[in-house]
């Protein structure tokens, strides 16, 4: 009597499991890459928003821009009177704008930034080495943060230009 055998053998099941495992590992790697790229895009978007923020603050205080009160100003303490009914001078407003902006930039991982007059805005690796020339007719907004992707190239930089 002929009997036909149906179903899978143990070897076929093991091969199917190996193929499925490799596919799932590939999907996990794809998900990890997606999460990393999404995080990097979020940080870059935050940096762009912060550069627009300081440019808008400067446009609202053109007297301080004309007096170069924003140029390479490293003030870190906000001026409380600028947020009261008493008000403040244009110089104090520039100091307050930059101090609040720096606090916001610090929310980026390893975030630091500077606003300066510069004719070559795409240079420098940190605030300490921002390479602001002080010449030209444009303000450069330079923001650095740590992207943690590659230890050799950990700092990301965003440079935008504001011409008053």
Foldseek 3Di string as FASTA:
>chain_A
DDDDDDDDDPVVVVVVVVVVVVVVVVVVVVVVVVVLVVVVVVLVVLLVVLVVQLLVLCVVLVVCVVVVLQALDPQQDQDVQCPDPNHDDSSNSSSNSVNVSQVSQPVAAQKGKGKHAAPDQPDDDHSVGRPRPNDDQKIKIKMWHASPPDPVCGIDIDIDIHGD
